[in-house]
């Protein structure tokens, strides 16, 4: 049986990824149909509208506040909370707190990870 080695990506080795105005994303480990990384949103900032194609996204809020707005409503999350954004859900993220928001992201799917759009349809 051939085992693959365990891999670590240090915090300072993340790579800039998938820009959307208002949110900074960094990729950590990407394998097959799994994407993982981090997103940071400055205090008071709101991202542009986007979706994640065929990727389901799970976000874990590390710090700040994480607000997700869709045509169906708004979800607010605080440190320690998890949020699921289903594939193809058009949304934008904001940080209504006074501190930089940081979330850890894990996505599962194929194709483009971020698709920027004008707004919800």
C-alpha atoms as a PDB file:
ATOM      1  CA  UNK A   1       0.000   0.000   0.000  1.00  0.00           C
ATOM      2  CA  UNK A   2       1.441   3.345  -1.029  1.00  0.00           C
ATOM      3  CA  UNK A   3       0.721   6.169   1.372  1.00  0.00           C
ATOM      4  CA  UNK A   4       0.889   9.817   0.423  1.00  0.00           C
ATOM      5  CA  UNK A   5       2.799  12.086   2.796  1.00  0.00           C
ATOM      6  CA  UNK A   6       1.016  14.426   5.178  1.00  0.00           C
ATOM      7  CA  UNK A   7       1.403  17.977   3.917  1.00  0.00           C
ATOM      8  CA  UNK A   8       1.483  21.237   5.839  1.00  0.00           C
ATOM      9  CA  UNK A   9       1.053  24.749   4.457  1.00  0.00           C
ATOM     10  CA  UNK A  10       2.284  27.354   6.940  1.00  0.00           C
ATOM     11  CA  UNK A  11       0.263  30.521   7.482  1.00  0.00           C
ATOM     12  CA  UNK A  12       2.927  32.597   5.742  1.00  0.00           C
ATOM     13  CA  UNK A  13       2.978  30.260   2.730  1.00  0.00           C
ATOM     14  CA  UNK A  14      -0.656  30.708   1.629  1.00  0.00           C
ATOM     15  CA  UNK A  15      -1.002  32.014  -1.927  1.00  0.00           C
ATOM     16  CA  UNK A  16      -3.285  34.864  -3.083  1.00  0.00           C
ATOM     17  CA  UNK A  17      -6.340  33.446  -4.839  1.00  0.00           C
ATOM     18  CA  UNK A  18      -9.622  34.199  -6.560  1.00  0.00           C
ATOM     19  CA  UNK A  19     -10.116  37.952  -6.124  1.00  0.00           C
ATOM     20  CA  UNK A  20     -13.464  39.581  -5.458  1.00  0.00           C
ATOM     21  CA  UNK A  21     -13.555  43.291  -4.657  1.00  0.00           C
ATOM     22  CA  UNK A  22     -13.682  43.769  -0.871  1.00  0.00           C
ATOM     23  CA  UNK A  23     -12.408  40.336   0.195  1.00  0.00           C
ATOM     24  CA  UNK A  24      -8.872  38.933   0.149  1.00  0.00           C
ATOM     25  CA  UNK A  25      -8.610  35.174  -0.334  1.00  0.00           C
ATOM     26  CA  UNK A  26      -5.575  32.935   0.097  1.00  0.00           C
ATOM     27  CA  UNK A  27      -5.391  29.287  -0.977  1.00  0.00           C
ATOM     28  CA  UNK A  28      -3.899  26.729   1.397  1.00  0.00           C
ATOM     29  CA  UNK A  29      -4.369  23.190   0.110  1.00  0.00           C
ATOM     30  CA  UNK A  30      -6.112  22.345  -3.159  1.00  0.00           C
ATOM     31  CA  UNK A  31      -6.562  18.705  -4.174  1.00  0.00           C
ATOM     32  CA  UNK A  32      -8.928  17.200  -6.735  1.00  0.00           C
ATOM     33  CA  UNK A  33     -12.400  18.509  -5.792  1.00  0.00           C
ATOM     34  CA  UNK A  34     -11.420  20.175  -2.476  1.00  0.00           C
ATOM     35  CA  UNK A  35     -10.244  23.784  -2.074  1.00  0.00           C
ATOM     36  CA  UNK A  36      -9.185  25.148   1.306  1.00  0.00           C
ATOM     37  CA  UNK A  37      -7.973  28.532   2.359  1.00  0.00           C
ATOM     38  CA  UNK A  38      -8.663  31.756   4.174  1.00  0.00           C
ATOM     39  CA  UNK A  39     -10.626  34.928   3.476  1.00  0.00           C
ATOM     40  CA  UNK A  40     -10.116  38.288   5.144  1.00  0.00           C
ATOM     41  CA  UNK A  41     -12.468  41.246   5.026  1.00  0.00           C
ATOM     42  CA  UNK A  42     -11.506  44.607   6.520  1.00  0.00           C
ATOM     43  CA  UNK A  43     -13.734  46.232   9.157  1.00  0.00           C
ATOM     44  CA  UNK A  44     -16.822  47.766   7.573  1.00  0.00           C
ATOM     45  CA  UNK A  45     -16.059  46.356   4.095  1.00  0.00           C
ATOM     46  CA  UNK A  46     -18.485  44.598   1.752  1.00  0.00           C
ATOM     47  CA  UNK A  47     -17.423  42.303  -1.087  1.00  0.00           C
ATOM     48  CA  UNK A  48     -18.728  42.344  -4.613  1.00  0.00           C
ATOM     49  CA  UNK A  49     -21.486  39.920  -5.617  1.00  0.00           C
ATOM     50  CA  UNK A  50     -20.246  36.470  -6.604  1.00  0.00           C
ATOM     51  CA  UNK A  51     -20.884  32.736  -6.407  1.00  0.00           C
ATOM     52  CA  UNK A  52     -18.644  29.695  -6.196  1.00  0.00           C
ATOM     53  CA  UNK A  53     -19.795  27.790  -9.261  1.00  0.00           C
ATOM     54  CA  UNK A  54     -20.331  24.109  -8.537  1.00  0.00           C
ATOM     55  CA  UNK A  55     -18.522  24.381  -5.192  1.00  0.00           C
ATOM     56  CA  UNK A  56     -20.312  24.052  -1.863  1.00  0.00           C
ATOM     57  CA  UNK A  57     -18.531  26.256   0.684  1.00  0.00           C
ATOM     58  CA  UNK A  58     -18.182  25.825   4.435  1.00  0.00           C
ATOM     59  CA  UNK A  59     -16.779  28.806   6.328  1.00  0.00           C
ATOM     60  CA  UNK A  60     -15.539  28.810   9.921  1.00  0.00           C
ATOM     61  CA  UNK A  61     -15.371  32.284  11.470  1.00  0.00           C
ATOM     62  CA  UNK A  62     -12.062  32.845  13.278  1.00  0.00           C
ATOM     63  CA  UNK A  63     -12.379  36.563  14.063  1.00  0.00           C
ATOM     64  CA  UNK A  64     -14.493  39.627  13.337  1.00  0.00           C
ATOM     65  CA  UNK A  65     -18.008  39.253  11.969  1.00  0.00           C
ATOM     66  CA  UNK A  66     -19.060  37.393   8.838  1.00  0.00           C
ATOM     67  CA  UNK A  67     -22.281  38.489   7.135  1.00  0.00           C
ATOM     68  CA  UNK A  68     -23.551  36.724   4.020  1.00  0.00           C
ATOM     69  CA  UNK A  69     -26.259  38.474   1.999  1.00  0.00           C
ATOM     70  CA  UNK A  70     -28.320  36.701  -0.681  1.00  0.00           C
ATOM     71  CA  UNK A  71     -31.563  37.463  -2.492  1.00  0.00           C
ATOM     72  CA  UNK A  72     -33.259  35.273   0.163  1.00  0.00           C
ATOM     73  CA  UNK A  73     -31.908  37.153   3.187  1.00  0.00           C
ATOM     74  CA  UNK A  74     -28.938  37.731   5.478  1.00  0.00           C
ATOM     75  CA  UNK A  75     -26.971  35.350   7.717  1.00  0.00           C
ATOM     76  CA  UNK A  76     -24.761  36.819  10.463  1.00  0.00           C
ATOM     77  CA  UNK A  77     -21.990  34.735  12.010  1.00  0.00           C
ATOM     78  CA  UNK A  78     -19.526  35.353  14.841  1.00  0.00           C
ATOM     79  CA  UNK A  79     -16.251  33.692  15.886  1.00  0.00           C
ATOM     80  CA  UNK A  80     -16.761  29.953  16.373  1.00  0.00           C
ATOM     81  CA  UNK A  81     -19.724  29.767  13.963  1.00  0.00           C
ATOM     82  CA  UNK A  82     -19.857  27.689  10.776  1.00  0.00           C
ATOM     83  CA  UNK A  83     -21.712  28.833   7.635  1.00  0.00           C
ATOM     84  CA  UNK A  84     -22.661  26.748   4.582  1.00  0.00           C
ATOM     85  CA  UNK A  85     -23.023  28.553   1.239  1.00  0.00           C
ATOM     86  CA  UNK A  86     -24.548  26.157  -1.322  1.00  0.00           C
ATOM     87  CA  UNK A  87     -23.084  25.903  -4.826  1.00  0.00           C
ATOM     88  CA  UNK A  88     -24.178  28.622  -7.293  1.00  0.00           C
ATOM     89  CA  UNK A  89     -25.710  30.791  -4.532  1.00  0.00           C
ATOM     90  CA  UNK A  90     -25.122  34.414  -5.526  1.00  0.00           C
ATOM     91  CA  UNK A  91     -24.033  36.345  -2.447  1.00  0.00           C
ATOM     92  CA  UNK A  92     -21.807  39.014  -1.041  1.00  0.00           C
ATOM     93  CA  UNK A  93     -19.922  39.041   2.222  1.00  0.00           C
ATOM     94  CA  UNK A  94     -19.430  41.882   4.631  1.00  0.00           C
ATOM     95  CA  UNK A  95     -17.813  42.575   7.962  1.00  0.00           C
ATOM     96  CA  UNK A  96     -19.927  44.889  10.152  1.00  0.00           C
ATOM     97  CA  UNK A  97     -17.447  44.644  13.053  1.00  0.00           C
ATOM     98  CA  UNK A  98     -14.630  47.012  14.028  1.00  0.00           C
ATOM     99  CA  UNK A  99     -12.015  44.255  13.537  1.00  0.00           C
ATOM    100  CA  UNK A 100     -10.732  42.494  10.423  1.00  0.00           C
ATOM    101  CA  UNK A 101     -12.798  39.366   9.786  1.00  0.00           C
ATOM    102  CA  UNK A 102     -10.986  36.119   9.087  1.00  0.00           C
ATOM    103  CA  UNK A 103     -12.708  32.927   7.980  1.00  0.00           C
ATOM    104  CA  UNK A 104     -11.299  29.526   7.120  1.00  0.00           C
ATOM    105  CA  UNK A 105     -12.877  28.086   3.969  1.00  0.00           C
ATOM    106  CA  UNK A 106     -13.296  24.575   2.636  1.00  0.00           C
ATOM    107  CA  UNK A 107     -14.946  24.091  -0.747  1.00  0.00           C
ATOM    108  CA  UNK A 108     -15.942  20.920  -2.522  1.00  0.00           C
ATOM    109  CA  UNK A 109     -16.723  20.897  -6.227  1.00  0.00           C
ATOM    110  CA  UNK A 110     -15.196  21.331  -9.655  1.00  0.00           C
ATOM    111  CA  UNK A 111     -14.714  24.170 -12.105  1.00  0.00           C
ATOM    112  CA  UNK A 112     -14.131  27.844 -11.306  1.00  0.00           C
ATOM    113  CA  UNK A 113     -13.909  28.568  -7.576  1.00  0.00           C
ATOM    114  CA  UNK A 114     -15.153  32.177  -7.835  1.00  0.00           C
ATOM    115  CA  UNK A 115     -17.469  33.742 -10.403  1.00  0.00           C
ATOM    116  CA  UNK A 116     -17.944  37.507  -9.935  1.00  0.00           C
ATOM    117  CA  UNK A 117     -21.385  38.794 -11.006  1.00  0.00           C
ATOM    118  CA  UNK A 118     -23.326  42.074 -11.010  1.00  0.00           C
ATOM    119  CA  UNK A 119     -25.818  41.007  -8.335  1.00  0.00           C
ATOM    120  CA  UNK A 120     -28.507  38.483  -7.471  1.00  0.00           C
ATOM    121  CA  UNK A 121     -30.848  37.611 -10.339  1.00  0.00           C
END
